Structures are given as C-alpha cells and as structure tokens.
Amino acid sequence: MDLQKKLKELRKTYGYTQQEFSDKLGISRVNYTRYETGKVRPDYETIIKIADFYDISLDELFDRKKYL
C-alpha cells in the first residue's frame, strides 16, 4: 500500500475529515490533501507526528510488513 493510501485509510478509520486531521498536525488542509493524493510527500517530522498520533510504528505506516 502506498503511503498516500495508508494516510487516507487511517484518517477515515478514525473518522477525521482532512481539515480535522490537518488541524491536529498543525498544517494546512491543502498540504495534507497533497499527502493523500501523492502530490507531495510529508517531511520526516510530519511522518513521525502522524505515526505518533495513530500510535503506530513507522513500519506500519509504510506497510513494511509485506516486505519482512
């Protein structure tokens, strides 16, 4: 699964709109939308914030279990 698909899946699973989740991250909704569409990849700091928010590992966020 691509990162953008995983971000959308997690957000929808937890019932957040893009605006609500981007507010929690402290970024604009436009930037978050770009993450979900794959137009822009989040920086490392944001990736860590996302994993911490959902209480998942970076491996889970990047769906690395299929490669292990």
PDB file of N, CA and C in Angstrom:
ATOM      1  N   MET A   1       0.853  -1.184   0.000  1.00  0.00           N
ATOM      2  CA  MET A   1       0.000   0.000   0.000  1.00  0.00           C
ATOM      3  C   MET A   1       0.889   1.234   0.000  1.00  0.00           C
ATOM      4  N   ASP A   2       0.527   2.175  -0.826  1.00  0.00           N
ATOM      5  CA  ASP A   2       1.265   3.426  -0.887  1.00  0.00           C
ATOM      6  C   ASP A   2       0.983   4.261   0.362  1.00  0.00           C
ATOM      7  N   LEU A   3       1.927   5.129   0.699  1.00  0.00           N
ATOM      8  CA  LEU A   3       1.760   5.985   1.865  1.00  0.00           C
ATOM      9  C   LEU A   3       0.482   6.798   1.761  1.00  0.00           C
ATOM     10  N   GLN A   4       0.200   7.364   0.586  1.00  0.00           N
ATOM     11  CA  GLN A   4      -0.991   8.197   0.469  1.00  0.00           C
ATOM     12  C   GLN A   4      -2.269   7.403   0.744  1.00  0.00           C
ATOM     13  N   LYS A   5      -2.318   6.157   0.303  1.00  0.00           N
ATOM     14  CA  LYS A   5      -3.497   5.315   0.573  1.00  0.00           C
ATOM     15  C   LYS A   5      -3.602   4.993   2.053  1.00  0.00           C
ATOM     16  N   LYS A   6      -2.472   4.745   2.677  1.00  0.00           N
ATOM     17  CA  LYS A   6      -2.458   4.438   4.104  1.00  0.00           C
ATOM     18  C   LYS A   6      -2.927   5.642   4.919  1.00  0.00           C
ATOM     19  N   LEU A   7      -2.480   6.842   4.554  1.00  0.00           N
ATOM     20  CA  LEU A   7      -2.908   8.044   5.264  1.00  0.00           C
ATOM     21  C   LEU A   7      -4.418   8.212   5.184  1.00  0.00           C
ATOM     22  N   LYS A   8      -4.961   8.018   4.000  1.00  0.00           N
ATOM     23  CA  LYS A   8      -6.406   8.163   3.824  1.00  0.00           C
ATOM     24  C   LYS A   8      -7.158   7.091   4.603  1.00  0.00           C
ATOM     25  N   GLU A   9      -6.660   5.868   4.543  1.00  0.00           N
ATOM     26  CA  GLU A   9      -7.293   4.757   5.260  1.00  0.00           C
ATOM     27  C   GLU A   9      -7.322   5.026   6.768  1.00  0.00           C
ATOM     28  N   LEU A  10      -6.194   5.434   7.315  1.00  0.00           N
ATOM     29  CA  LEU A  10      -6.130   5.711   8.755  1.00  0.00           C
ATOM     30  C   LEU A  10      -7.067   6.849   9.145  1.00  0.00           C
ATOM     31  N   ARG A  11      -7.045   7.908   8.377  1.00  0.00           N
ATOM     32  CA  ARG A  11      -7.890   9.064   8.694  1.00  0.00           C
ATOM     33  C   ARG A  11      -9.361   8.676   8.683  1.00  0.00           C
ATOM     34  N   LYS A  12      -9.778   7.935   7.680  1.00  0.00           N
ATOM     35  CA  LYS A  12     -11.176   7.527   7.584  1.00  0.00           C
ATOM     36  C   LYS A  12     -11.540   6.517   8.686  1.00  0.00           C
ATOM     37  N   THR A  13     -10.624   5.624   9.004  1.00  0.00           N
ATOM     38  CA  THR A  13     -10.874   4.646  10.062  1.00  0.00           C
ATOM     39  C   THR A  13     -11.149   5.343  11.392  1.00  0.00           C
ATOM     40  N   TYR A  14     -10.421   6.419  11.649  1.00  0.00           N
ATOM     41  CA  TYR A  14     -10.582   7.153  12.902  1.00  0.00           C
ATOM     42  C   TYR A  14     -11.644   8.245  12.810  1.00  0.00           C
ATOM     43  N   GLY A  15     -12.251   8.391  11.645  1.00  0.00           N
ATOM     44  CA  GLY A  15     -13.382   9.293  11.477  1.00  0.00           C
ATOM     45  C   GLY A  15     -13.063  10.775  11.415  1.00  0.00           C
ATOM     46  N   TYR A  16     -11.881  11.112  10.936  1.00  0.00           N
ATOM     47  CA  TYR A  16     -11.497  12.522  10.807  1.00  0.00           C
ATOM     48  C   TYR A  16     -11.706  13.013   9.388  1.00  0.00           C
ATOM     49  N   THR A  17     -12.070  14.279   9.271  1.00  0.00           N
ATOM     50  CA  THR A  17     -12.039  14.922   7.958  1.00  0.00           C
ATOM     51  C   THR A  17     -10.593  15.347   7.714  1.00  0.00           C
ATOM     52  N   GLN A  18     -10.292  15.718   6.495  1.00  0.00           N
ATOM     53  CA  GLN A  18      -8.943  16.215   6.214  1.00  0.00           C
ATOM     54  C   GLN A  18      -8.662  17.468   7.037  1.00  0.00           C
ATOM     55  N   GLN A  19      -9.652  18.333   7.190  1.00  0.00           N
ATOM     56  CA  GLN A  19      -9.461  19.559   7.968  1.00  0.00           C
ATOM     57  C   GLN A  19      -9.185  19.250   9.431  1.00  0.00           C
ATOM     58  N   GLU A  20      -9.954  18.339  10.005  1.00  0.00           N
ATOM     59  CA  GLU A  20      -9.759  17.988  11.417  1.00  0.00           C
ATOM     60  C   GLU A  20      -8.368  17.412  11.648  1.00  0.00           C
ATOM     61  N   PHE A  21      -7.956  16.505  10.760  1.00  0.00           N
ATOM     62  CA  PHE A  21      -6.657  15.871  10.971  1.00  0.00           C
ATOM     63  C   PHE A  21      -5.513  16.835  10.721  1.00  0.00           C
ATOM     64  N   SER A  22      -5.632  17.658   9.706  1.00  0.00           N
ATOM     65  CA  SER A  22      -4.562  18.626   9.440  1.00  0.00           C
ATOM     66  C   SER A  22      -4.447  19.613  10.598  1.00  0.00           C
ATOM     67  N   ASP A  23      -5.572  19.976  11.220  1.00  0.00           N
ATOM     68  CA  ASP A  23      -5.527  20.841  12.405  1.00  0.00           C
ATOM     69  C   ASP A  23      -4.757  20.166  13.533  1.00  0.00           C
ATOM     70  N   LYS A  24      -4.966  18.879  13.710  1.00  0.00           N
ATOM     71  CA  LYS A  24      -4.257  18.140  14.764  1.00  0.00           C
ATOM     72  C   LYS A  24      -2.749  18.094  14.502  1.00  0.00           C
ATOM     73  N   LEU A  25      -2.375  18.059  13.221  1.00  0.00           N
ATOM     74  CA  LEU A  25      -0.952  18.044  12.860  1.00  0.00           C
ATOM     75  C   LEU A  25      -0.339  19.440  12.855  1.00  0.00           C
ATOM     76  N   GLY A  26      -1.194  20.450  12.815  1.00  0.00           N
ATOM     77  CA  GLY A  26      -0.690  21.822  12.760  1.00  0.00           C
ATOM     78  C   GLY A  26      -0.220  22.230  11.373  1.00  0.00           C
ATOM     79  N   ILE A  27      -0.867  21.661  10.357  1.00  0.00           N
ATOM     80  CA  ILE A  27      -0.537  22.014   8.978  1.00  0.00           C
ATOM     81  C   ILE A  27      -1.825  22.423   8.266  1.00  0.00           C
ATOM     82  N   SER A  28      -1.695  22.968   7.064  1.00  0.00           N
ATOM     83  CA  SER A  28      -2.888  23.357   6.318  1.00  0.00           C
ATOM     84  C   SER A  28      -3.554  22.121   5.704  1.00  0.00           C
ATOM     85  N   ARG A  29      -4.861  22.256   5.489  1.00  0.00           N
ATOM     86  CA  ARG A  29      -5.591  21.166   4.863  1.00  0.00           C
ATOM     87  C   ARG A  29      -5.073  20.931   3.447  1.00  0.00           C
ATOM     88  N   VAL A  30      -4.712  21.988   2.762  1.00  0.00           N
ATOM     89  CA  VAL A  30      -4.195  21.865   1.394  1.00  0.00           C
ATOM     90  C   VAL A  30      -2.942  20.984   1.386  1.00  0.00           C
ATOM     91  N   ASN A  31      -2.023  21.222   2.311  1.00  0.00           N
ATOM     92  CA  ASN A  31      -0.815  20.385   2.375  1.00  0.00           C
ATOM     93  C   ASN A  31      -1.166  18.943   2.686  1.00  0.00           C
ATOM     94  N   TYR A  32      -2.086  18.744   3.647  1.00  0.00           N
ATOM     95  CA  TYR A  32      -2.450  17.359   3.980  1.00  0.00           C
ATOM     96  C   TYR A  32      -3.095  16.670   2.779  1.00  0.00           C
ATOM     97  N   THR A  33      -3.943  17.381   2.057  1.00  0.00           N
ATOM     98  CA  THR A  33      -4.569  16.810   0.865  1.00  0.00           C
ATOM     99  C   THR A  33      -3.508  16.371  -0.137  1.00  0.00           C
ATOM    100  N   ARG A  34      -2.470  17.143  -0.259  1.00  0.00           N
ATOM    101  CA  ARG A  34      -1.369  16.774  -1.173  1.00  0.00           C
ATOM    102  C   ARG A  34      -0.683  15.488  -0.724  1.00  0.00           C
ATOM    103  N   TYR A  35      -0.619  15.247   0.576  1.00  0.00           N
ATOM    104  CA  TYR A  35      -0.046  13.985   1.071  1.00  0.00           C
ATOM    105  C   TYR A  35      -0.929  12.813   0.643  1.00  0.00           C
ATOM    106  N   GLU A  36      -2.242  12.981   0.807  1.00  0.00           N
ATOM    107  CA  GLU A  36      -3.162  11.889   0.475  1.00  0.00           C
ATOM    108  C   GLU A  36      -3.263  11.635  -1.025  1.00  0.00           C
ATOM    109  N   THR A  37      -3.008  12.639  -1.826  1.00  0.00           N
ATOM    110  CA  THR A  37      -3.066  12.442  -3.274  1.00  0.00           C
ATOM    111  C   THR A  37      -1.718  12.045  -3.859  1.00  0.00           C
ATOM    112  N   GLY A  38      -0.676  12.093  -3.044  1.00  0.00           N
ATOM    113  CA  GLY A  38       0.649  11.705  -3.505  1.00  0.00           C
ATOM    114  C   GLY A  38       1.379  12.795  -4.263  1.00  0.00           C
ATOM    115  N   LYS A  39       0.832  14.000  -4.282  1.00  0.00           N
ATOM    116  CA  LYS A  39       1.496  15.108  -4.976  1.00  0.00           C
ATOM    117  C   LYS A  39       2.724  15.588  -4.217  1.00  0.00           C
ATOM    118  N   VAL A  40       2.691  15.431  -2.897  1.00  0.00           N
ATOM    119  CA  VAL A  40       3.807  15.833  -2.038  1.00  0.00           C
ATOM    120  C   VAL A  40       3.971  14.754  -0.973  1.00  0.00           C
ATOM    121  N   ARG A  41       5.222  14.442  -0.644  1.00  0.00           N
ATOM    122  CA  ARG A  41       5.474  13.503   0.455  1.00  0.00           C
ATOM    123  C   ARG A  41       5.752  14.319   1.710  1.00  0.00           C
ATOM    124  N   PRO A  42       5.176  13.883   2.830  1.00  0.00           N
ATOM    125  CA  PRO A  42       5.429  14.613   4.075  1.00  0.00           C
ATOM    126  C   PRO A  42       6.895  14.544   4.474  1.00  0.00           C
ATOM    127  N   ASP A  43       7.363  15.578   5.171  1.00  0.00           N
ATOM    128  CA  ASP A  43       8.734  15.551   5.669  1.00  0.00           C
ATOM    129  C   ASP A  43       8.816  14.572   6.848  1.00  0.00           C
ATOM    130  N   TYR A  44      10.042  14.293   7.277  1.00  0.00           N
ATOM    131  CA  TYR A  44      10.253  13.303   8.338  1.00  0.00           C
ATOM    132  C   TYR A  44       9.543  13.676   9.631  1.00  0.00           C
ATOM    133  N   GLU A  45       9.583  14.931   9.973  1.00  0.00           N
ATOM    134  CA  GLU A  45       8.939  15.385  11.210  1.00  0.00           C
ATOM    135  C   GLU A  45       7.436  15.117  11.165  1.00  0.00           C
ATOM    136  N   THR A  46       6.822  15.387  10.045  1.00  0.00           N
ATOM    137  CA  THR A  46       5.384  15.161   9.898  1.00  0.00           C
ATOM    138  C   THR A  46       5.062  13.675   9.895  1.00  0.00           C
ATOM    139  N   ILE A  47       5.889  12.889   9.247  1.00  0.00           N
ATOM    140  CA  ILE A  47       5.679  11.437   9.231  1.00  0.00           C
ATOM    141  C   ILE A  47       5.702  10.888  10.661  1.00  0.00           C
ATOM    142  N   ILE A  48       6.634  11.351  11.449  1.00  0.00           N
ATOM    143  CA  ILE A  48       6.731  10.901  12.838  1.00  0.00           C
ATOM    144  C   ILE A  48       5.507  11.360  13.631  1.00  0.00           C
ATOM    145  N   LYS A  49       5.057  12.582  13.419  1.00  0.00           N
ATOM    146  CA  LYS A  49       3.851  13.083  14.094  1.00  0.00           C
ATOM    147  C   LYS A  49       2.641  12.211  13.760  1.00  0.00           C
ATOM    148  N   ILE A  50       2.518  11.835  12.503  1.00  0.00           N
ATOM    149  CA  ILE A  50       1.389  11.005  12.072  1.00  0.00           C
ATOM    150  C   ILE A  50       1.445   9.641  12.743  1.00  0.00           C
ATOM    151  N   ALA A  51       2.604   9.003  12.723  1.00  0.00           N
ATOM    152  CA  ALA A  51       2.748   7.696  13.367  1.00  0.00           C
ATOM    153  C   ALA A  51       2.477   7.791  14.863  1.00  0.00           C
ATOM    154  N   ASP A  52       2.990   8.827  15.503  1.00  0.00           N
ATOM    155  CA  ASP A  52       2.752   9.011  16.938  1.00  0.00           C
ATOM    156  C   ASP A  52       1.273   9.250  17.224  1.00  0.00           C
ATOM    157  N   PHE A  53       0.626  10.045  16.399  1.00  0.00           N
ATOM    158  CA  PHE A  53      -0.787  10.343  16.611  1.00  0.00           C
ATOM    159  C   PHE A  53      -1.617   9.060  16.575  1.00  0.00           C
ATOM    160  N   TYR A  54      -1.376   8.229  15.594  1.00  0.00           N
ATOM    161  CA  TYR A  54      -2.126   6.979  15.459  1.00  0.00           C
ATOM    162  C   TYR A  54      -1.562   5.855  16.324  1.00  0.00           C
ATOM    163  N   ASP A  55      -0.460   6.134  17.025  1.00  0.00           N
ATOM    164  CA  ASP A  55       0.198   5.148  17.890  1.00  0.00           C
ATOM    165  C   ASP A  55       0.571   3.883  17.118  1.00  0.00           C
ATOM    166  N   ILE A  56       1.210   4.112  15.968  1.00  0.00           N
ATOM    167  CA  ILE A  56       1.685   3.001  15.156  1.00  0.00           C
ATOM    168  C   ILE A  56       3.163   3.229  14.850  1.00  0.00           C
ATOM    169  N   SER A  57       3.836   2.160  14.474  1.00  0.00           N
ATOM    170  CA  SER A  57       5.247   2.274  14.118  1.00  0.00           C
ATOM    171  C   SER A  57       5.377   2.833  12.700  1.00  0.00           C
ATOM    172  N   LEU A  58       6.565   3.294  12.388  1.00  0.00           N
ATOM    173  CA  LEU A  58       6.824   3.749  11.022  1.00  0.00           C
ATOM    174  C   LEU A  58       6.707   2.587  10.041  1.00  0.00           C
ATOM    175  N   ASP A  59       7.086   1.390  10.472  1.00  0.00           N
ATOM    176  CA  ASP A  59       6.924   0.217   9.616  1.00  0.00           C
ATOM    177  C   ASP A  59       5.457   0.004   9.259  1.00  0.00           C
ATOM    178  N   GLU A  60       4.574   0.166  10.244  1.00  0.00           N
ATOM    179  CA  GLU A  60       3.143   0.027   9.968  1.00  0.00           C
ATOM    180  C   GLU A  60       2.655   1.128   9.033  1.00  0.00           C
ATOM    181  N   LEU A  61       3.110   2.343   9.271  1.00  0.00           N
ATOM    182  CA  LEU A  61       2.690   3.467   8.443  1.00  0.00           C
ATOM    183  C   LEU A  61       3.091   3.248   6.987  1.00  0.00           C
ATOM    184  N   PHE A  62       4.272   2.705   6.779  1.00  0.00           N
ATOM    185  CA  PHE A  62       4.757   2.451   5.420  1.00  0.00           C
ATOM    186  C   PHE A  62       4.417   1.051   4.921  1.00  0.00           C
ATOM    187  N   ASP A  63       3.635   0.316   5.717  1.00  0.00           N
ATOM    188  CA  ASP A  63       3.184  -1.039   5.353  1.00  0.00           C
ATOM    189  C   ASP A  63       4.351  -1.955   5.009  1.00  0.00           C
ATOM    190  N   ARG A  64       5.376  -1.884   5.854  1.00  0.00           N
ATOM    191  CA  ARG A  64       6.591  -2.663   5.597  1.00  0.00           C
ATOM    192  C   ARG A  64       6.456  -4.137   5.925  1.00  0.00           C
ATOM    193  N   LYS A  65       5.405  -4.548   6.617  1.00  0.00           N
ATOM    194  CA  LYS A  65       5.276  -5.959   6.987  1.00  0.00           C
ATOM    195  C   LYS A  65       5.254  -6.878   5.768  1.00  0.00           C
ATOM    196  N   LYS A  66       4.776  -6.355   4.636  1.00  0.00           N
ATOM    197  CA  LYS A  66       4.736  -7.197   3.449  1.00  0.00           C
ATOM    198  C   LYS A  66       6.137  -7.463   2.901  1.00  0.00           C
ATOM    199  N   TYR A  67       7.131  -6.675   3.329  1.00  0.00           N
ATOM    200  CA  TYR A  67       8.494  -6.867   2.850  1.00  0.00           C
ATOM    201  C   TYR A  67       9.361  -7.652   3.831  1.00  0.00           C
ATOM    202  N   LEU A  68       8.830  -7.898   5.026  1.00  0.00           N
ATOM    203  CA  LEU A  68       9.631  -8.583   6.052  1.00  0.00           C
ATOM    204  C   LEU A  68       9.414 -10.074   6.011  1.00  0.00           C
TER     205      LEU A  68
END
